[in-house]
Amino acid sequence: LCLPLDTAQAQSRKRVALLIGNGAYASATTLGNPRNDVRLVAEAAQKAGFQTVTIRQDLGMGPFQQALRDFRALADGAQVAMVYYAGHGMEGNGRNWLIPVDADLKTDLDLANEAVSLKTLMQSVSRAAGLGIMILDACRDNPFAVKMARSKLTRSVDRGFARVEPTTNV
C-alpha cells in the first residue's frame, strides 16, 4: 500500500542545502580549493538524501545575499537545512564574517557593508523545522590585514573566527 504524502508531510521530510564556494577573489588571495570542495560536498549531500542541493560559486555581495534569500525560502519548514561555505572568513570586533569575492575592505568599518555576517547564515538554517547545519571551510586569516585601516572600535581583525556556540530552536 502506497499513500501519497500531503504537503505538510512532504515539507517536514525535505532536506535542502546551499553550498557556496568562493575562490576567485578580486582584492584578496585567490583560493584554489573551494570549487572542488563544493562539488564533493554536493555529492555527499545527494547521497545523504538531500532533495535540493544548490551550488553557488564565486559570489559577490549582491549574489551572496540573493542566494541566502532564496535559500531561506527553501529552508522554511524543512526537516534539515544545511549551508556549506568554503572561502575567506574572518573575525572583526567579536563578529564573524564571510567574505564575498568582490570585497575590498579598506577599513574594518567596511565589514558591515562588504561582508556577510555569520549570524545571517545562522538565521537561514534556523528556518528548518528540524535540524539546521552550518559547515564552515574558511581560511580564517584576514587577507586584507596588511592594507586594512582599523577604527578605535575594533579589537581584532587579524585572528580566526570568534567563538560560536551551537543553538537550539526552542
N, C-alpha and C. Protein backbone atom coordinates (compact mmCIF):
# COMPACT_ATOMS: atom_id res chain seq x y z
N LEU A 1 0.85 -1.17 0.00
CA LEU A 1 0.00 0.00 0.00
C LEU A 1 0.89 1.24 0.00
N CYS A 2 0.64 2.16 -0.91
CA CYS A 2 1.42 3.38 -1.03
C CYS A 2 0.48 4.56 -0.94
N LEU A 3 0.69 5.39 0.08
CA LEU A 3 -0.15 6.56 0.27
C LEU A 3 0.65 7.81 -0.05
N PRO A 4 0.05 8.72 -0.80
CA PRO A 4 0.78 9.96 -1.09
C PRO A 4 0.91 10.82 0.17
N LEU A 5 2.02 11.51 0.28
CA LEU A 5 2.22 12.42 1.41
C LEU A 5 1.48 13.71 1.15
N ASP A 6 0.87 14.26 2.19
CA ASP A 6 0.30 15.58 2.00
C ASP A 6 1.43 16.61 2.01
N THR A 7 1.13 17.85 1.68
CA THR A 7 2.15 18.89 1.56
C THR A 7 2.92 19.07 2.86
N ALA A 8 2.25 19.08 3.99
CA ALA A 8 2.92 19.26 5.29
C ALA A 8 3.88 18.12 5.57
N GLN A 9 3.46 16.88 5.26
CA GLN A 9 4.35 15.73 5.47
C GLN A 9 5.57 15.82 4.56
N ALA A 10 5.36 16.16 3.31
CA ALA A 10 6.47 16.28 2.37
C ALA A 10 7.43 17.36 2.81
N GLN A 11 6.92 18.50 3.26
CA GLN A 11 7.76 19.61 3.72
C GLN A 11 8.58 19.18 4.93
N SER A 12 7.97 18.43 5.85
CA SER A 12 8.68 18.05 7.07
C SER A 12 9.80 17.05 6.79
N ARG A 13 9.78 16.39 5.66
CA ARG A 13 10.85 15.45 5.31
C ARG A 13 11.86 16.04 4.34
N LYS A 14 11.66 17.26 3.93
CA LYS A 14 12.52 17.91 2.95
C LYS A 14 13.89 18.21 3.55
N ARG A 15 14.92 17.95 2.76
CA ARG A 15 16.30 18.28 3.13
C ARG A 15 16.86 19.18 2.05
N VAL A 16 17.34 20.35 2.46
CA VAL A 16 17.84 21.33 1.50
C VAL A 16 19.24 21.77 1.88
N ALA A 17 20.05 22.08 0.88
CA ALA A 17 21.42 22.51 1.14
C ALA A 17 21.80 23.63 0.18
N LEU A 18 22.53 24.60 0.72
CA LEU A 18 23.14 25.66 -0.07
C LEU A 18 24.64 25.52 0.11
N LEU A 19 25.36 25.37 -0.98
CA LEU A 19 26.80 25.19 -0.95
C LEU A 19 27.45 26.36 -1.69
N ILE A 20 28.28 27.12 -0.97
CA ILE A 20 28.93 28.30 -1.54
C ILE A 20 30.42 28.08 -1.56
N GLY A 21 31.02 28.24 -2.74
CA GLY A 21 32.47 28.13 -2.90
C GLY A 21 33.03 29.42 -3.47
N ASN A 22 33.67 30.21 -2.63
CA ASN A 22 34.28 31.47 -3.07
C ASN A 22 35.79 31.30 -3.15
N GLY A 23 36.34 31.45 -4.34
CA GLY A 23 37.77 31.31 -4.52
C GLY A 23 38.40 32.39 -5.39
N ALA A 24 37.63 32.97 -6.30
CA ALA A 24 38.15 33.95 -7.27
C ALA A 24 38.01 35.36 -6.72
N TYR A 25 38.82 35.68 -5.71
CA TYR A 25 38.75 36.99 -5.07
C TYR A 25 39.45 38.05 -5.91
N ALA A 26 38.81 39.22 -6.02
CA ALA A 26 39.37 40.33 -6.79
C ALA A 26 40.47 41.06 -6.03
N SER A 27 40.31 41.21 -4.70
CA SER A 27 41.25 42.00 -3.91
C SER A 27 41.91 41.22 -2.78
N ALA A 28 41.82 39.91 -2.83
CA ALA A 28 42.41 39.07 -1.79
C ALA A 28 43.02 37.83 -2.45
N THR A 29 43.69 37.05 -1.66
CA THR A 29 44.32 35.84 -2.13
C THR A 29 43.30 34.92 -2.80
N THR A 30 43.59 34.48 -4.01
CA THR A 30 42.73 33.52 -4.71
C THR A 30 42.88 32.16 -4.05
N LEU A 31 41.77 31.45 -3.92
CA LEU A 31 41.76 30.13 -3.29
C LEU A 31 41.43 29.08 -4.35
N GLY A 32 42.22 28.04 -4.43
CA GLY A 32 42.02 27.01 -5.45
C GLY A 32 41.06 25.90 -5.06
N ASN A 33 40.84 25.68 -3.78
CA ASN A 33 40.07 24.51 -3.35
C ASN A 33 38.55 24.65 -3.30
N PRO A 34 37.98 25.82 -3.07
CA PRO A 34 36.52 25.90 -2.87
C PRO A 34 35.68 25.28 -3.98
N ARG A 35 36.05 25.45 -5.23
CA ARG A 35 35.26 24.90 -6.33
C ARG A 35 35.17 23.37 -6.22
N ASN A 36 36.27 22.72 -6.00
CA ASN A 36 36.29 21.27 -5.87
C ASN A 36 35.61 20.82 -4.58
N ASP A 37 35.84 21.54 -3.49
CA ASP A 37 35.25 21.18 -2.20
C ASP A 37 33.72 21.20 -2.28
N VAL A 38 33.17 22.22 -2.93
CA VAL A 38 31.72 22.32 -3.07
C VAL A 38 31.17 21.14 -3.86
N ARG A 39 31.87 20.76 -4.91
CA ARG A 39 31.43 19.62 -5.71
C ARG A 39 31.41 18.34 -4.87
N LEU A 40 32.43 18.12 -4.07
CA LEU A 40 32.49 16.91 -3.22
C LEU A 40 31.39 16.92 -2.15
N VAL A 41 31.15 18.07 -1.55
CA VAL A 41 30.09 18.17 -0.54
C VAL A 41 28.73 17.96 -1.20
N ALA A 42 28.55 18.46 -2.41
CA ALA A 42 27.28 18.26 -3.13
C ALA A 42 27.02 16.77 -3.37
N GLU A 43 28.04 16.04 -3.78
CA GLU A 43 27.89 14.59 -3.99
C GLU A 43 27.51 13.90 -2.69
N ALA A 44 28.17 14.27 -1.60
CA ALA A 44 27.87 13.66 -0.30
C ALA A 44 26.45 14.00 0.16
N ALA A 45 26.03 15.25 -0.05
CA ALA A 45 24.68 15.67 0.36
C ALA A 45 23.62 14.90 -0.42
N GLN A 46 23.83 14.73 -1.70
CA GLN A 46 22.86 13.98 -2.51
C GLN A 46 22.78 12.53 -2.06
N LYS A 47 23.92 11.94 -1.75
CA LYS A 47 23.93 10.57 -1.24
C LYS A 47 23.24 10.46 0.12
N ALA A 48 23.27 11.55 0.89
CA ALA A 48 22.66 11.57 2.23
C ALA A 48 21.16 11.87 2.17
N GLY A 49 20.63 12.04 0.96
CA GLY A 49 19.19 12.21 0.83
C GLY A 49 18.70 13.64 0.73
N PHE A 50 19.59 14.60 0.49
CA PHE A 50 19.14 15.97 0.30
C PHE A 50 18.46 16.08 -1.06
N GLN A 51 17.21 16.55 -1.04
CA GLN A 51 16.44 16.66 -2.29
C GLN A 51 16.88 17.87 -3.11
N THR A 52 17.24 18.95 -2.44
CA THR A 52 17.65 20.17 -3.13
C THR A 52 19.05 20.53 -2.68
N VAL A 53 19.98 20.54 -3.64
CA VAL A 53 21.36 20.93 -3.37
C VAL A 53 21.68 22.06 -4.35
N THR A 54 21.82 23.25 -3.82
CA THR A 54 22.08 24.43 -4.64
C THR A 54 23.55 24.79 -4.50
N ILE A 55 24.24 24.88 -5.63
CA ILE A 55 25.66 25.24 -5.64
C ILE A 55 25.79 26.65 -6.20
N ARG A 56 26.54 27.48 -5.49
CA ARG A 56 26.84 28.84 -5.93
C ARG A 56 28.35 29.05 -5.80
N GLN A 57 28.93 29.56 -6.86
CA GLN A 57 30.38 29.76 -6.91
C GLN A 57 30.72 31.24 -7.06
N ASP A 58 31.77 31.66 -6.41
CA ASP A 58 32.37 32.98 -6.58
C ASP A 58 31.34 34.11 -6.52
N LEU A 59 30.70 34.20 -5.38
CA LEU A 59 29.64 35.18 -5.18
C LEU A 59 30.16 36.52 -4.69
N GLY A 60 29.76 37.57 -5.38
CA GLY A 60 29.94 38.92 -4.88
C GLY A 60 28.86 39.18 -3.85
N MET A 61 28.87 40.37 -3.25
CA MET A 61 27.95 40.68 -2.17
C MET A 61 26.48 40.54 -2.59
N GLY A 62 26.08 41.14 -3.69
CA GLY A 62 24.69 41.07 -4.12
C GLY A 62 24.23 39.64 -4.38
N PRO A 63 24.95 38.87 -5.19
CA PRO A 63 24.57 37.47 -5.42
C PRO A 63 24.61 36.61 -4.15
N PHE A 64 25.53 36.91 -3.23
CA PHE A 64 25.61 36.18 -1.95
C PHE A 64 24.31 36.41 -1.17
N GLN A 65 23.90 37.66 -1.06
CA GLN A 65 22.67 37.98 -0.34
C GLN A 65 21.45 37.36 -1.02
N GLN A 66 21.41 37.36 -2.35
CA GLN A 66 20.29 36.75 -3.07
C GLN A 66 20.25 35.24 -2.84
N ALA A 67 21.41 34.59 -2.86
CA ALA A 67 21.47 33.15 -2.62
C ALA A 67 20.91 32.82 -1.23
N LEU A 68 21.21 33.65 -0.24
CA LEU A 68 20.69 33.43 1.11
C LEU A 68 19.19 33.66 1.17
N ARG A 69 18.70 34.68 0.48
CA ARG A 69 17.24 34.91 0.44
C ARG A 69 16.53 33.72 -0.19
N ASP A 70 17.05 33.23 -1.30
CA ASP A 70 16.45 32.08 -1.98
C ASP A 70 16.48 30.84 -1.09
N PHE A 71 17.60 30.66 -0.38
CA PHE A 71 17.73 29.50 0.49
C PHE A 71 16.77 29.56 1.67
N ARG A 72 16.59 30.74 2.24
CA ARG A 72 15.66 30.87 3.37
C ARG A 72 14.26 30.39 2.98
N ALA A 73 13.84 30.70 1.77
CA ALA A 73 12.53 30.25 1.29
C ALA A 73 12.49 28.73 1.20
N LEU A 74 13.57 28.12 0.72
CA LEU A 74 13.63 26.66 0.63
C LEU A 74 13.68 26.01 2.01
N ALA A 75 14.41 26.64 2.92
CA ALA A 75 14.64 26.05 4.25
C ALA A 75 13.43 26.16 5.16
N ASP A 76 12.53 27.06 4.85
CA ASP A 76 11.38 27.30 5.71
C ASP A 76 10.57 26.02 5.91
N GLY A 77 10.63 25.48 7.12
CA GLY A 77 9.87 24.28 7.46
C GLY A 77 10.50 22.96 7.05
N ALA A 78 11.67 22.99 6.43
CA ALA A 78 12.33 21.75 6.01
C ALA A 78 12.77 20.93 7.22
N GLN A 79 12.92 19.63 7.03
CA GLN A 79 13.42 18.77 8.10
C GLN A 79 14.87 19.12 8.41
N VAL A 80 15.69 19.30 7.37
CA VAL A 80 17.10 19.63 7.52
C VAL A 80 17.44 20.74 6.54
N ALA A 81 18.13 21.77 7.03
CA ALA A 81 18.64 22.85 6.19
C ALA A 81 20.13 22.99 6.48
N MET A 82 20.94 22.93 5.43
CA MET A 82 22.38 22.97 5.60
C MET A 82 22.99 24.04 4.69
N VAL A 83 23.93 24.80 5.24
CA VAL A 83 24.75 25.71 4.46
C VAL A 83 26.20 25.29 4.63
N TYR A 84 26.89 25.14 3.50
CA TYR A 84 28.32 24.87 3.49
C TYR A 84 28.98 26.07 2.83
N TYR A 85 30.02 26.61 3.47
CA TYR A 85 30.74 27.74 2.91
C TYR A 85 32.21 27.42 2.86
N ALA A 86 32.82 27.60 1.68
CA ALA A 86 34.26 27.49 1.51
C ALA A 86 34.74 28.80 0.92
N GLY A 87 35.71 29.43 1.57
CA GLY A 87 36.24 30.71 1.11
C GLY A 87 36.90 31.44 2.26
N HIS A 88 37.14 32.73 2.07
CA HIS A 88 37.74 33.53 3.13
C HIS A 88 36.69 33.90 4.18
N GLY A 89 37.10 33.87 5.43
CA GLY A 89 36.27 34.31 6.54
C GLY A 89 37.17 34.98 7.56
N MET A 90 36.59 35.80 8.40
CA MET A 90 37.40 36.49 9.39
C MET A 90 36.54 36.97 10.55
N GLU A 91 37.22 37.35 11.63
CA GLU A 91 36.56 37.94 12.79
C GLU A 91 36.88 39.42 12.78
N GLY A 92 35.88 40.21 13.07
CA GLY A 92 36.07 41.64 13.21
C GLY A 92 35.28 42.14 14.40
N ASN A 93 35.97 42.59 15.42
CA ASN A 93 35.37 43.13 16.64
C ASN A 93 34.35 42.18 17.27
N GLY A 94 34.72 40.92 17.35
CA GLY A 94 33.88 39.95 18.04
C GLY A 94 32.81 39.31 17.17
N ARG A 95 32.69 39.70 15.91
CA ARG A 95 31.70 39.11 15.00
C ARG A 95 32.43 38.38 13.88
N ASN A 96 31.80 37.33 13.39
CA ASN A 96 32.38 36.53 12.31
C ASN A 96 31.78 36.94 10.97
N TRP A 97 32.62 36.97 9.95
CA TRP A 97 32.22 37.44 8.63
C TRP A 97 32.70 36.48 7.55
N LEU A 98 31.88 36.28 6.54
CA LEU A 98 32.25 35.53 5.35
C LEU A 98 32.46 36.55 4.24
N ILE A 99 33.49 36.34 3.45
CA ILE A 99 33.95 37.38 2.53
C ILE A 99 33.52 37.07 1.09
N PRO A 100 32.67 37.92 0.51
CA PRO A 100 32.32 37.79 -0.91
C PRO A 100 33.55 38.09 -1.78
N VAL A 101 33.54 37.61 -3.02
CA VAL A 101 34.72 37.75 -3.88
C VAL A 101 34.98 39.18 -4.32
N ASP A 102 33.99 40.07 -4.21
CA ASP A 102 34.20 41.46 -4.63
C ASP A 102 34.52 42.40 -3.47
N ALA A 103 34.70 41.87 -2.27
CA ALA A 103 35.03 42.71 -1.11
C ALA A 103 36.41 43.33 -1.27
N ASP A 104 36.55 44.58 -0.83
CA ASP A 104 37.84 45.26 -0.88
C ASP A 104 38.35 45.58 0.52
N LEU A 105 37.46 45.86 1.45
CA LEU A 105 37.75 46.04 2.88
C LEU A 105 38.98 46.92 3.13
N LYS A 106 38.85 48.17 2.81
CA LYS A 106 39.93 49.13 3.07
C LYS A 106 40.01 49.50 4.55
N THR A 107 38.89 49.37 5.26
CA THR A 107 38.85 49.64 6.69
C THR A 107 37.97 48.59 7.36
N ASP A 108 38.17 48.38 8.64
CA ASP A 108 37.36 47.40 9.37
C ASP A 108 35.88 47.80 9.38
N LEU A 109 35.58 49.08 9.23
CA LEU A 109 34.19 49.53 9.20
C LEU A 109 33.47 49.09 7.92
N ASP A 110 34.22 48.67 6.90
CA ASP A 110 33.62 48.18 5.64
C ASP A 110 33.01 46.79 5.79
N LEU A 111 33.34 46.09 6.85
CA LEU A 111 32.82 44.72 7.02
C LEU A 111 31.30 44.68 6.94
N ALA A 112 30.61 45.59 7.60
CA ALA A 112 29.14 45.57 7.64
C ALA A 112 28.53 45.78 6.25
N ASN A 113 29.26 46.42 5.34
CA ASN A 113 28.73 46.69 4.01
C ASN A 113 29.26 45.77 2.92
N GLU A 114 30.41 45.13 3.17
CA GLU A 114 31.05 44.34 2.13
C GLU A 114 31.20 42.86 2.46
N ALA A 115 30.77 42.45 3.64
CA ALA A 115 30.89 41.04 4.05
C ALA A 115 29.55 40.56 4.59
N VAL A 116 29.42 39.24 4.69
CA VAL A 116 28.19 38.63 5.16
C VAL A 116 28.42 38.10 6.58
N SER A 117 27.60 38.54 7.49
CA SER A 117 27.72 38.12 8.88
C SER A 117 27.38 36.63 9.02
N LEU A 118 28.16 35.94 9.82
CA LEU A 118 27.85 34.53 10.09
C LEU A 118 26.47 34.40 10.72
N LYS A 119 26.06 35.40 11.46
CA LYS A 119 24.73 35.39 12.07
C LYS A 119 23.63 35.28 11.00
N THR A 120 23.85 35.88 9.85
CA THR A 120 22.88 35.79 8.75
C THR A 120 22.73 34.34 8.29
N LEU A 121 23.85 33.61 8.19
CA LEU A 121 23.76 32.20 7.82
C LEU A 121 23.06 31.40 8.90
N MET A 122 23.33 31.72 10.15
CA MET A 122 22.68 31.01 11.26
C MET A 122 21.17 31.21 11.20
N GLN A 123 20.75 32.42 10.88
CA GLN A 123 19.31 32.69 10.75
C GLN A 123 18.71 31.91 9.59
N SER A 124 19.47 31.73 8.52
CA SER A 124 18.97 30.99 7.36
C SER A 124 18.71 29.52 7.69
N VAL A 125 19.65 28.87 8.35
CA VAL A 125 19.46 27.46 8.67
C VAL A 125 18.44 27.27 9.79
N SER A 126 18.22 28.32 10.58
CA SER A 126 17.24 28.21 11.67
C SER A 126 15.81 28.16 11.15
N ARG A 127 15.60 28.37 9.86
CA ARG A 127 14.27 28.28 9.26
C ARG A 127 13.78 26.82 9.22
N ALA A 128 14.68 25.88 9.37
CA ALA A 128 14.30 24.47 9.34
C ALA A 128 13.45 24.13 10.55
N ALA A 129 12.46 23.28 10.32
CA ALA A 129 11.63 22.80 11.43
C ALA A 129 12.41 21.82 12.29
N GLY A 130 13.38 21.13 11.68
CA GLY A 130 14.18 20.15 12.39
C GLY A 130 15.59 20.66 12.65
N LEU A 131 16.53 20.19 11.87
CA LEU A 131 17.94 20.43 12.10
C LEU A 131 18.50 21.46 11.14
N GLY A 132 19.21 22.46 11.69
CA GLY A 132 19.94 23.44 10.88
C GLY A 132 21.42 23.17 11.04
N ILE A 133 22.13 23.07 9.92
CA ILE A 133 23.56 22.74 9.94
C ILE A 133 24.34 23.80 9.18
N MET A 134 25.44 24.26 9.77
CA MET A 134 26.37 25.14 9.08
C MET A 134 27.74 24.48 9.11
N ILE A 135 28.37 24.44 7.94
CA ILE A 135 29.72 23.91 7.84
C ILE A 135 30.58 25.01 7.24
N LEU A 136 31.60 25.42 7.98
CA LEU A 136 32.49 26.48 7.53
C LEU A 136 33.85 25.89 7.21
N ASP A 137 34.25 26.04 5.97
CA ASP A 137 35.56 25.59 5.50
C ASP A 137 36.28 26.86 5.05
N ALA A 138 36.58 27.72 6.02
CA ALA A 138 37.05 29.06 5.71
C ALA A 138 38.50 29.27 6.12
N CYS A 139 39.22 29.96 5.24
CA CYS A 139 40.54 30.47 5.59
C CYS A 139 40.27 31.61 6.56
N ARG A 140 40.76 31.49 7.77
CA ARG A 140 40.35 32.42 8.82
C ARG A 140 41.34 33.56 9.04
N ASP A 141 42.42 33.60 8.29
CA ASP A 141 43.32 34.73 8.42
C ASP A 141 42.77 35.88 7.57
N ASN A 142 42.97 37.08 8.01
CA ASN A 142 42.45 38.24 7.31
C ASN A 142 43.32 38.53 6.10
N PRO A 143 42.81 38.31 4.88
CA PRO A 143 43.62 38.55 3.69
C PRO A 143 43.81 40.04 3.40
N PHE A 144 43.13 40.90 4.14
CA PHE A 144 43.23 42.35 3.96
C PHE A 144 44.04 43.00 5.08
N ALA A 145 44.62 42.22 5.99
CA ALA A 145 45.26 42.73 7.21
C ALA A 145 46.32 43.78 6.93
N VAL A 146 47.12 43.58 5.90
CA VAL A 146 48.23 44.50 5.62
C VAL A 146 47.73 45.88 5.23
N LYS A 147 46.63 45.95 4.49
CA LYS A 147 46.17 47.25 3.98
C LYS A 147 44.96 47.81 4.73
N MET A 148 44.35 47.05 5.63
CA MET A 148 43.10 47.46 6.27
C MET A 148 43.35 48.44 7.42
N ALA A 149 42.76 49.61 7.32
CA ALA A 149 42.82 50.57 8.42
C ALA A 149 41.85 50.11 9.51
N ARG A 150 42.22 50.38 10.76
CA ARG A 150 41.40 49.95 11.88
C ARG A 150 40.86 51.14 12.64
N SER A 151 39.60 51.06 13.01
CA SER A 151 38.98 52.12 13.80
C SER A 151 39.25 51.88 15.28
N LYS A 152 38.90 52.83 16.09
CA LYS A 152 39.06 52.68 17.54
C LYS A 152 38.14 51.61 18.10
N LEU A 153 37.06 51.28 17.36
CA LEU A 153 36.07 50.31 17.84
C LEU A 153 36.52 48.87 17.72
N THR A 154 37.56 48.63 16.94
CA THR A 154 37.93 47.26 16.60
C THR A 154 38.99 46.71 17.54
N ARG A 155 38.70 45.54 18.10
CA ARG A 155 39.68 44.84 18.94
C ARG A 155 40.65 44.06 18.07
N SER A 156 40.12 43.34 17.07
CA SER A 156 40.97 42.48 16.26
C SER A 156 40.32 42.22 14.93
N VAL A 157 41.13 42.24 13.89
CA VAL A 157 40.68 41.78 12.58
C VAL A 157 41.76 40.90 11.96
N ASP A 158 42.63 40.36 12.80
CA ASP A 158 43.74 39.56 12.32
C ASP A 158 43.57 38.07 12.58
N ARG A 159 42.89 37.72 13.65
CA ARG A 159 42.83 36.31 14.05
C ARG A 159 41.66 35.59 13.38
N GLY A 160 41.54 34.31 13.70
CA GLY A 160 40.45 33.50 13.15
C GLY A 160 39.10 33.87 13.72
N PHE A 161 38.12 33.03 13.50
CA PHE A 161 36.75 33.31 13.93
C PHE A 161 36.64 33.45 15.44
N ALA A 162 35.70 34.29 15.86
CA ALA A 162 35.32 34.36 17.27
C ALA A 162 34.55 33.09 17.60
N ARG A 163 34.52 32.74 18.85
CA ARG A 163 33.84 31.52 19.29
C ARG A 163 32.34 31.57 18.94
N VAL A 164 31.83 30.45 18.44
CA VAL A 164 30.42 30.31 18.11
C VAL A 164 29.89 29.08 18.83
N GLU A 165 28.81 29.27 19.56
CA GLU A 165 28.19 28.16 20.29
C GLU A 165 26.97 27.66 19.54
N PRO A 166 26.71 26.35 19.56
CA PRO A 166 25.52 25.83 18.93
C PRO A 166 24.26 26.36 19.64
N THR A 167 23.19 26.50 18.89
CA THR A 167 21.94 26.95 19.46
C THR A 167 20.85 25.95 19.10
N THR A 168 19.76 26.01 19.82
CA THR A 168 18.61 25.16 19.51
C THR A 168 17.41 26.02 19.21
N ASN A 169 16.54 25.51 18.38
CA ASN A 169 15.28 26.20 18.06
C ASN A 169 14.26 25.79 19.09
N VAL A 170 14.19 26.53 20.18
CA VAL A 170 13.24 26.22 21.24
C VAL A 170 12.14 27.24 21.26
